[in-house]
N, C-alpha and C. Protein backbone atom coordinates (compact mmCIF):
# COMPACT_ATOMS: atom_id res chain seq x y z
N MET A 1 14.74 23.96 -22.51
CA MET A 1 14.70 22.89 -23.31
C MET A 1 16.11 22.29 -23.13
N ALA A 2 16.42 21.06 -22.76
CA ALA A 2 17.62 20.71 -22.53
C ALA A 2 17.58 19.40 -23.48
N THR A 3 18.88 19.43 -24.09
CA THR A 3 18.97 18.30 -25.05
C THR A 3 20.60 17.80 -25.19
N ARG A 4 20.99 16.71 -25.66
CA ARG A 4 22.35 16.46 -25.78
C ARG A 4 22.62 16.04 -27.23
N SER A 5 23.29 16.94 -27.75
CA SER A 5 23.54 16.56 -29.14
C SER A 5 24.83 17.56 -29.64
N ALA A 6 25.30 17.80 -30.69
CA ALA A 6 26.39 18.65 -31.52
C ALA A 6 25.80 19.83 -31.40
N ALA A 7 26.72 20.62 -31.04
CA ALA A 7 26.48 21.89 -30.94
C ALA A 7 26.34 22.44 -32.61
N ALA A 8 25.29 23.36 -32.71
CA ALA A 8 25.11 23.83 -34.00
C ALA A 8 24.64 25.57 -33.81
N PRO A 9 25.42 26.31 -34.77
CA PRO A 9 24.81 27.82 -34.46
C PRO A 9 23.59 27.96 -34.69
N VAL A 10 23.43 28.82 -33.80
CA VAL A 10 21.59 29.40 -33.66
C VAL A 10 21.57 30.78 -33.71
N PRO A 11 20.74 31.20 -34.56
CA PRO A 11 20.64 32.65 -34.97
C PRO A 11 19.84 33.19 -33.77
N PRO A 12 20.49 34.64 -33.15
CA PRO A 12 19.72 35.16 -32.10
C PRO A 12 18.17 35.27 -32.24
N SER A 13 17.55 35.49 -31.42
CA SER A 13 15.68 35.74 -31.38
C SER A 13 15.61 36.86 -32.12
N ASP A 14 16.15 37.91 -31.89
CA ASP A 14 15.85 39.27 -32.33
C ASP A 14 17.46 39.93 -32.91
N ALA A 15 17.02 41.18 -33.29
CA ALA A 15 18.32 41.98 -33.67
C ALA A 15 18.91 42.48 -32.57
N SER A 16 18.45 42.54 -31.39
CA SER A 16 18.90 43.36 -30.25
C SER A 16 19.91 41.91 -29.42
N ALA A 17 19.74 40.59 -29.90
CA ALA A 17 20.69 39.75 -29.00
C ALA A 17 22.00 39.75 -29.42
N PRO A 18 22.76 39.31 -28.73
CA PRO A 18 24.13 39.47 -29.22
C PRO A 18 24.51 38.38 -30.05
N GLN A 19 25.39 38.61 -30.89
CA GLN A 19 26.06 37.71 -32.13
C GLN A 19 26.23 36.67 -31.32
N GLN A 20 25.57 35.33 -31.68
CA GLN A 20 26.12 34.06 -31.43
C GLN A 20 27.44 33.54 -31.34
N LEU A 21 28.05 33.48 -30.27
CA LEU A 21 29.17 32.75 -30.32
C LEU A 21 29.12 31.54 -29.77
N ALA A 22 30.31 30.66 -29.79
CA ALA A 22 30.04 29.50 -29.03
C ALA A 22 30.28 29.68 -27.50
N VAL A 23 29.14 29.40 -26.58
CA VAL A 23 29.21 29.76 -25.26
C VAL A 23 29.24 28.36 -24.64
N ARG A 24 30.56 28.30 -23.70
CA ARG A 24 30.66 27.40 -23.11
C ARG A 24 30.74 27.49 -21.57
N VAL A 25 30.47 26.88 -20.82
CA VAL A 25 30.14 26.83 -19.44
C VAL A 25 30.93 26.02 -18.62
N TYR A 26 31.48 25.87 -17.97
CA TYR A 26 32.28 24.76 -16.85
C TYR A 26 31.97 25.14 -15.88
N VAL A 27 31.52 24.09 -15.00
CA VAL A 27 30.78 24.25 -13.52
C VAL A 27 31.38 23.17 -12.66
N ASP A 28 31.59 23.46 -11.31
CA ASP A 28 31.96 22.42 -10.34
C ASP A 28 31.32 22.99 -8.98
N GLY A 29 31.46 22.10 -8.11
CA GLY A 29 31.28 22.30 -6.85
C GLY A 29 32.36 21.58 -5.86
N SER A 30 32.48 21.79 -4.70
CA SER A 30 33.47 21.55 -3.70
C SER A 30 32.88 21.71 -2.37
N CYS A 31 33.47 20.42 -1.82
CA CYS A 31 33.11 20.41 -0.36
C CYS A 31 34.38 20.22 0.47
N LEU A 32 34.85 20.96 1.37
CA LEU A 32 36.24 21.13 2.06
C LEU A 32 35.80 20.39 3.56
N MET A 33 36.62 19.73 4.09
CA MET A 33 36.63 19.23 5.31
C MET A 33 37.93 19.87 6.28
N PRO A 34 37.70 19.98 7.34
CA PRO A 34 36.48 19.56 8.30
C PRO A 34 35.52 20.51 8.17
N GLY A 35 34.44 20.29 8.73
CA GLY A 35 33.43 21.09 8.68
C GLY A 35 32.39 21.24 7.66
N GLU A 36 32.37 20.37 6.21
CA GLU A 36 31.65 20.54 5.42
C GLU A 36 31.35 21.78 4.61
N ARG A 37 32.42 22.67 4.41
CA ARG A 37 32.08 23.95 3.77
C ARG A 37 31.88 23.78 2.06
N VAL A 38 31.08 24.12 1.67
CA VAL A 38 30.51 23.98 0.19
C VAL A 38 30.69 25.04 -0.36
N GLY A 39 31.43 24.91 -1.69
CA GLY A 39 31.38 26.13 -2.76
C GLY A 39 30.95 26.00 -4.00
N TYR A 40 30.94 26.60 -4.80
CA TYR A 40 30.50 26.67 -6.33
C TYR A 40 31.59 27.54 -6.83
N GLY A 41 31.74 27.20 -8.22
CA GLY A 41 32.29 27.61 -9.36
C GLY A 41 32.18 27.77 -10.69
N ALA A 42 32.12 28.64 -11.65
CA ALA A 42 31.94 28.64 -12.90
C ALA A 42 32.57 29.47 -13.48
N VAL A 43 33.04 29.25 -14.95
CA VAL A 43 33.45 29.91 -15.85
C VAL A 43 32.69 30.02 -17.09
N VAL A 44 32.25 30.99 -17.60
CA VAL A 44 31.90 30.92 -19.03
C VAL A 44 32.65 31.73 -20.02
N LEU A 45 33.09 30.99 -21.15
CA LEU A 45 33.67 31.18 -22.46
C LEU A 45 32.98 31.52 -23.41
N LEU A 46 33.15 32.82 -23.98
CA LEU A 46 32.84 32.97 -25.28
C LEU A 46 33.76 33.00 -26.53
N GLY A 47 33.56 32.10 -27.28
CA GLY A 47 34.54 31.70 -27.97
C GLY A 47 35.64 30.73 -27.32
N VAL A 48 36.99 31.59 -27.24
CA VAL A 48 37.89 30.83 -26.31
C VAL A 48 38.51 31.58 -25.27
N ASN A 49 37.54 32.92 -25.26
CA ASN A 49 37.85 34.05 -23.94
C ASN A 49 36.84 33.83 -22.84
N PRO A 50 37.40 33.85 -21.60
CA PRO A 50 36.67 33.99 -20.52
C PRO A 50 35.71 35.12 -20.19
N ALA A 51 34.57 35.00 -20.20
CA ALA A 51 33.63 36.19 -20.47
C ALA A 51 33.05 36.57 -18.76
N TYR A 52 32.92 35.51 -18.11
CA TYR A 52 32.32 35.54 -16.73
C TYR A 52 32.73 34.48 -15.91
N GLU A 53 32.96 34.79 -14.52
CA GLU A 53 33.49 33.97 -13.71
C GLU A 53 32.71 34.09 -12.36
N CYS A 54 32.41 32.87 -11.71
CA CYS A 54 31.62 33.17 -10.35
C CYS A 54 32.26 32.13 -9.44
N CYS A 55 32.41 32.53 -8.10
CA CYS A 55 32.27 31.62 -6.96
C CYS A 55 31.66 32.04 -5.76
N GLY A 56 31.70 31.09 -4.87
CA GLY A 56 30.70 31.42 -3.70
C GLY A 56 30.32 30.40 -2.79
N PRO A 57 30.27 30.73 -1.46
CA PRO A 57 29.95 29.74 -0.56
C PRO A 57 28.65 29.23 -0.58
N VAL A 58 28.17 27.96 -0.31
CA VAL A 58 26.53 27.50 0.12
C VAL A 58 26.71 27.10 1.39
N THR A 59 25.59 27.91 1.90
CA THR A 59 25.25 27.50 3.27
C THR A 59 24.78 26.00 3.77
N ALA A 60 24.96 25.42 4.78
CA ALA A 60 24.48 24.19 5.23
C ALA A 60 22.78 24.22 5.26
N GLU A 61 22.09 25.27 5.17
CA GLU A 61 20.70 25.29 5.06
C GLU A 61 20.51 24.87 3.52
N GLN A 62 21.33 25.60 2.46
CA GLN A 62 21.00 25.62 1.18
C GLN A 62 21.45 24.26 0.72
N ALA A 63 22.53 23.74 1.21
CA ALA A 63 22.84 22.32 0.78
C ALA A 63 21.88 21.45 1.43
N MET A 64 21.52 21.68 2.56
CA MET A 64 20.59 20.38 2.90
C MET A 64 21.29 19.00 3.03
N GLY A 65 22.29 19.07 3.36
CA GLY A 65 23.25 17.83 3.52
C GLY A 65 23.67 17.11 2.18
N THR A 66 23.78 17.97 1.03
CA THR A 66 24.06 17.36 -0.38
C THR A 66 25.69 17.65 -0.58
N ARG A 67 26.52 18.14 0.20
CA ARG A 67 27.61 18.78 0.19
C ARG A 67 27.96 19.04 -1.29
N GLN A 68 28.92 18.68 -1.97
CA GLN A 68 29.45 19.39 -3.01
C GLN A 68 28.62 19.35 -4.26
N VAL A 69 27.51 18.46 -4.13
CA VAL A 69 26.36 18.48 -5.27
C VAL A 69 25.67 19.79 -4.89
N ALA A 70 25.30 20.34 -4.17
CA ALA A 70 24.73 21.55 -3.97
C ALA A 70 25.30 22.48 -4.53
N GLY A 71 26.92 22.47 -4.43
CA GLY A 71 27.87 23.36 -5.05
C GLY A 71 27.97 23.50 -6.55
N GLU A 72 27.91 22.13 -7.04
CA GLU A 72 27.50 21.90 -8.55
C GLU A 72 26.30 22.59 -8.90
N LEU A 73 25.14 22.35 -8.43
CA LEU A 73 24.00 23.07 -9.01
C LEU A 73 23.94 24.60 -8.61
N PHE A 74 24.58 25.28 -7.84
CA PHE A 74 24.65 26.66 -7.59
C PHE A 74 25.34 26.94 -8.80
N ALA A 75 26.52 26.34 -8.91
CA ALA A 75 27.44 26.68 -10.12
C ALA A 75 26.37 26.91 -11.53
N VAL A 76 25.90 25.91 -11.72
CA VAL A 76 25.04 25.82 -12.90
C VAL A 76 24.14 26.95 -13.00
N GLY A 77 23.37 27.48 -11.92
CA GLY A 77 22.24 28.30 -11.73
C GLY A 77 22.99 29.54 -12.21
N HIS A 78 24.13 30.18 -11.46
CA HIS A 78 24.93 31.18 -11.62
C HIS A 78 25.20 31.43 -13.29
N ALA A 79 25.58 30.45 -13.73
CA ALA A 79 26.44 30.60 -14.87
C ALA A 79 24.84 30.66 -16.12
N LEU A 80 24.06 29.84 -15.75
CA LEU A 80 22.95 29.88 -17.10
C LEU A 80 22.11 31.27 -16.51
N ASN A 81 21.90 31.72 -15.35
CA ASN A 81 21.49 32.84 -15.22
C ASN A 81 22.27 33.99 -15.83
N TRP A 82 23.26 34.18 -15.81
CA TRP A 82 24.20 35.22 -16.72
C TRP A 82 24.03 34.88 -18.45
N CYS A 83 24.05 33.60 -18.64
CA CYS A 83 23.81 33.70 -20.24
C CYS A 83 22.34 33.89 -20.62
N LYS A 84 21.62 33.83 -19.69
CA LYS A 84 19.87 34.16 -20.01
C LYS A 84 20.10 35.78 -19.91
N ALA A 85 20.79 36.31 -19.08
CA ALA A 85 20.81 37.73 -18.85
C ALA A 85 21.43 38.48 -20.31
N GLN A 86 22.39 38.02 -20.74
CA GLN A 86 23.18 38.33 -21.95
C GLN A 86 22.58 38.02 -23.15
N GLY A 87 21.48 37.11 -23.16
CA GLY A 87 20.61 37.09 -24.45
C GLY A 87 21.05 35.93 -25.12
N TYR A 88 21.95 34.76 -24.65
CA TYR A 88 22.68 33.93 -25.27
C TYR A 88 21.72 32.53 -25.33
N PRO A 89 20.84 32.22 -26.35
CA PRO A 89 20.02 31.06 -26.49
C PRO A 89 20.34 29.69 -26.56
N LEU A 90 21.94 29.37 -26.55
CA LEU A 90 22.30 28.26 -26.99
C LEU A 90 23.62 27.97 -26.10
N VAL A 91 23.49 27.13 -25.17
CA VAL A 91 24.84 27.05 -24.20
C VAL A 91 25.15 25.45 -24.08
N ASP A 92 26.72 25.27 -23.99
CA ASP A 92 27.24 24.25 -23.83
C ASP A 92 27.64 24.06 -22.59
N VAL A 93 27.27 23.26 -21.59
CA VAL A 93 27.37 23.03 -20.28
C VAL A 93 28.49 21.80 -19.97
N TYR A 94 29.71 22.01 -19.38
CA TYR A 94 30.56 21.27 -18.94
C TYR A 94 30.81 21.05 -17.73
N TYR A 95 30.37 19.53 -17.31
CA TYR A 95 30.60 19.28 -15.94
C TYR A 95 31.35 18.09 -15.72
N ASP A 96 31.42 17.57 -14.28
CA ASP A 96 32.57 16.40 -13.95
C ASP A 96 31.24 15.60 -13.32
N TYR A 97 30.21 16.09 -12.78
CA TYR A 97 29.19 15.30 -11.91
C TYR A 97 27.79 14.88 -12.84
N LEU A 98 27.58 13.61 -13.13
CA LEU A 98 26.60 13.11 -13.94
C LEU A 98 25.12 14.11 -13.75
N GLY A 99 25.32 14.03 -12.61
CA GLY A 99 23.63 14.50 -12.03
C GLY A 99 23.05 15.91 -12.31
N ILE A 100 24.20 16.73 -12.82
CA ILE A 100 23.99 18.14 -13.33
C ILE A 100 23.04 17.91 -14.77
N GLU A 101 23.26 16.98 -15.56
CA GLU A 101 22.43 16.58 -16.96
C GLU A 101 21.36 15.71 -16.48
N MET A 102 21.52 14.83 -15.59
CA MET A 102 20.59 13.67 -15.45
C MET A 102 19.35 14.40 -14.78
N TRP A 103 19.46 15.13 -13.71
CA TRP A 103 18.39 15.96 -13.17
C TRP A 103 17.77 17.00 -14.00
N ALA A 104 18.70 17.80 -14.44
CA ALA A 104 18.01 18.73 -15.59
C ALA A 104 17.12 18.05 -16.73
N THR A 105 17.47 16.93 -17.35
CA THR A 105 16.96 16.26 -18.28
C THR A 105 15.77 15.25 -17.89
N GLY A 106 15.62 15.10 -16.57
CA GLY A 106 14.57 14.16 -15.94
C GLY A 106 14.96 12.62 -16.14
N GLN A 107 16.21 12.63 -16.58
CA GLN A 107 16.74 11.04 -16.39
C GLN A 107 16.84 10.40 -14.98
N TRP A 108 17.36 11.39 -14.26
CA TRP A 108 17.12 10.98 -12.67
C TRP A 108 15.96 11.43 -12.13
N LYS A 109 15.30 10.97 -11.25
CA LYS A 109 14.21 11.58 -10.28
C LYS A 109 15.06 12.42 -9.48
N ALA A 110 14.47 13.70 -9.52
CA ALA A 110 15.10 14.94 -8.51
C ALA A 110 14.28 14.64 -7.08
N LYS A 111 14.72 13.95 -5.60
CA LYS A 111 14.18 13.52 -4.90
C LYS A 111 14.26 14.35 -3.65
N GLN A 112 15.33 15.29 -3.53
CA GLN A 112 15.45 16.22 -2.58
C GLN A 112 15.23 17.53 -3.05
N PRO A 113 14.98 18.35 -1.90
CA PRO A 113 14.65 19.65 -2.37
C PRO A 113 15.49 20.39 -3.31
N PRO A 114 16.89 20.53 -2.98
CA PRO A 114 17.68 21.22 -3.83
C PRO A 114 17.97 20.72 -5.33
N THR A 115 17.80 19.27 -5.65
CA THR A 115 17.97 18.95 -6.74
C THR A 115 16.33 19.14 -7.47
N GLN A 116 15.31 19.00 -6.71
CA GLN A 116 14.12 19.46 -7.32
C GLN A 116 14.02 20.76 -7.72
N ARG A 117 14.58 21.85 -6.95
CA ARG A 117 14.45 23.43 -7.07
C ARG A 117 15.25 23.41 -8.37
N TYR A 118 16.49 22.52 -8.76
CA TYR A 118 17.52 22.68 -9.97
C TYR A 118 16.51 22.25 -11.10
N GLN A 119 16.13 21.20 -11.10
CA GLN A 119 15.22 20.49 -11.99
C GLN A 119 14.39 21.58 -12.67
N GLN A 120 13.27 22.13 -11.67
CA GLN A 120 12.37 23.03 -12.37
C GLN A 120 13.22 24.54 -12.87
N PHE A 121 14.30 24.88 -12.12
CA PHE A 121 14.82 26.05 -12.66
C PHE A 121 15.47 25.77 -14.03
N VAL A 122 16.04 24.63 -14.37
CA VAL A 122 16.80 24.53 -15.63
C VAL A 122 15.63 24.26 -16.62
N ARG A 123 14.58 23.58 -16.29
CA ARG A 123 13.45 23.34 -17.32
C ARG A 123 12.92 24.67 -17.63
N GLY A 124 12.93 25.40 -16.78
CA GLY A 124 12.17 26.89 -17.25
C GLY A 124 13.05 27.74 -17.50
N LEU A 125 14.32 27.32 -18.21
CA LEU A 125 15.09 28.53 -18.71
C LEU A 125 14.56 28.49 -20.18
N PRO A 126 14.68 29.80 -20.84
CA PRO A 126 14.55 29.83 -22.27
C PRO A 126 15.74 29.63 -23.05
N LEU A 127 16.48 28.81 -22.62
CA LEU A 127 17.73 28.39 -23.24
C LEU A 127 17.71 26.85 -23.79
N ARG A 128 18.65 26.86 -25.02
CA ARG A 128 18.70 25.63 -25.48
C ARG A 128 20.26 24.91 -24.41
N ILE A 129 20.12 24.04 -23.92
CA ILE A 129 21.70 23.73 -23.47
C ILE A 129 21.86 22.31 -23.77
N LEU A 130 23.23 22.25 -24.36
CA LEU A 130 23.76 20.84 -24.75
C LEU A 130 24.80 20.39 -23.63
N TRP A 131 24.80 19.40 -23.08
CA TRP A 131 25.40 18.94 -21.78
C TRP A 131 26.58 17.69 -22.13
N HIS A 132 27.92 18.15 -21.72
CA HIS A 132 28.92 17.77 -22.00
C HIS A 132 29.56 16.88 -20.56
N LYS A 133 29.55 15.58 -20.52
CA LYS A 133 30.18 15.20 -19.72
C LYS A 133 31.79 15.28 -19.62
N VAL A 134 32.69 15.65 -18.56
CA VAL A 134 34.20 15.40 -18.80
C VAL A 134 34.43 14.85 -17.49
N ALA A 135 35.62 14.19 -17.46
CA ALA A 135 36.54 13.53 -16.32
C ALA A 135 37.09 14.56 -15.53
N SER A 136 36.97 14.43 -14.13
CA SER A 136 37.43 15.31 -13.27
C SER A 136 38.80 15.10 -13.32
N HIS A 137 39.51 16.24 -12.81
CA HIS A 137 41.11 16.34 -12.32
C HIS A 137 41.91 15.48 -13.55
N THR A 138 41.61 15.81 -14.58
CA THR A 138 42.36 15.10 -15.69
C THR A 138 43.28 15.94 -16.71
N GLY A 139 43.39 17.19 -16.40
CA GLY A 139 44.07 18.18 -16.94
C GLY A 139 43.20 18.93 -17.71
N ASP A 140 41.78 18.90 -17.70
CA ASP A 140 40.93 19.72 -18.67
C ASP A 140 41.21 21.23 -18.31
N ARG A 141 41.88 21.98 -18.80
CA ARG A 141 41.82 23.51 -18.32
C ARG A 141 40.93 24.26 -17.67
N TRP A 142 39.75 24.27 -18.43
CA TRP A 142 38.43 25.01 -17.77
C TRP A 142 37.88 24.11 -16.64
N ASN A 143 37.69 22.98 -16.63
CA ASN A 143 37.30 21.78 -15.78
C ASN A 143 38.00 22.35 -14.49
N ASP A 144 39.50 22.39 -14.56
CA ASP A 144 40.14 22.36 -13.55
C ASP A 144 40.10 23.89 -12.65
N TYR A 145 39.68 24.91 -13.75
CA TYR A 145 39.44 26.18 -13.46
C TYR A 145 38.31 26.21 -12.42
N ALA A 146 37.35 25.69 -12.87
CA ALA A 146 36.11 25.49 -12.22
C ALA A 146 36.09 25.15 -10.65
N ASP A 147 37.03 24.17 -10.76
CA ASP A 147 37.18 23.26 -9.60
C ASP A 147 37.61 24.22 -8.60
N ASP A 148 38.79 25.16 -9.05
CA ASP A 148 39.48 25.87 -8.26
C ASP A 148 38.84 27.18 -7.68
N LEU A 149 37.79 27.80 -8.51
CA LEU A 149 36.74 28.46 -8.17
C LEU A 149 35.90 28.01 -7.31
N ALA A 150 35.56 26.57 -7.11
CA ALA A 150 34.63 26.02 -6.10
C ALA A 150 35.68 25.96 -4.99
N LYS A 151 36.40 25.71 -4.90
CA LYS A 151 37.54 25.47 -3.65
C LYS A 151 37.31 26.84 -3.10
N ARG A 152 37.66 27.83 -4.00
CA ARG A 152 37.78 29.26 -3.25
C ARG A 152 36.38 29.79 -2.65
N GLY A 153 35.45 29.16 -3.43
CA GLY A 153 33.92 29.55 -3.13
C GLY A 153 33.60 28.98 -1.60
N ALA A 154 34.20 27.63 -1.33
CA ALA A 154 33.87 26.80 -0.17
C ALA A 154 34.66 27.43 0.98
N GLN A 155 35.78 28.39 0.60
CA GLN A 155 36.88 29.24 1.60
C GLN A 155 36.21 30.43 1.95
N GLY A 156 35.10 30.54 1.24
CA GLY A 156 34.27 32.06 1.34
C GLY A 156 34.40 33.26 0.54
N GLU A 157 35.50 33.07 -0.59
CA GLU A 157 35.53 33.64 -1.64
C GLU A 157 34.01 34.01 -2.40
N GLN A 158 33.51 35.14 -2.62
CA GLN A 158 32.67 35.42 -3.61
C GLN A 158 32.91 36.13 -4.72
N ARG A 159 32.69 36.05 -5.97
CA ARG A 159 32.73 36.95 -7.03
C ARG A 159 31.43 36.36 -8.01
N GLY A 160 31.27 37.39 -8.63
CA GLY A 160 30.25 37.19 -9.99
C GLY A 160 28.93 37.55 -9.75
């Protein structure tokens, strides 16, 4: 379920689920020239502390001509899979490319295979996702960090 509203604490679904902290995810994609090398990057914060980060390359076959958009989608996928595996039911996702939210919520039609797969993936998650648009390259610490991770991913670095 994807919604856009103010975050509110949600109790864990059962006693084995982790105590709910503010789970914030910052994501970004990058495309470096020449060669259109695409990468993704994401950092997950629990409260104010980084708990997980990931980055890596996206192949031309995976990107299918969507360039850094594919990186954005991969970043969301990796981070939300981690949140799901950890048992966090509520996630705030911060992004600087509007398509991240619009495809996930169905406000934009997913026309290309990468965006169609992304839309199906996000809609199938057992998470409540709150979407937050941030301006890119404006000094937002964690958005800039996700951007740096995405550039590292485009350069071939892989972590997470």
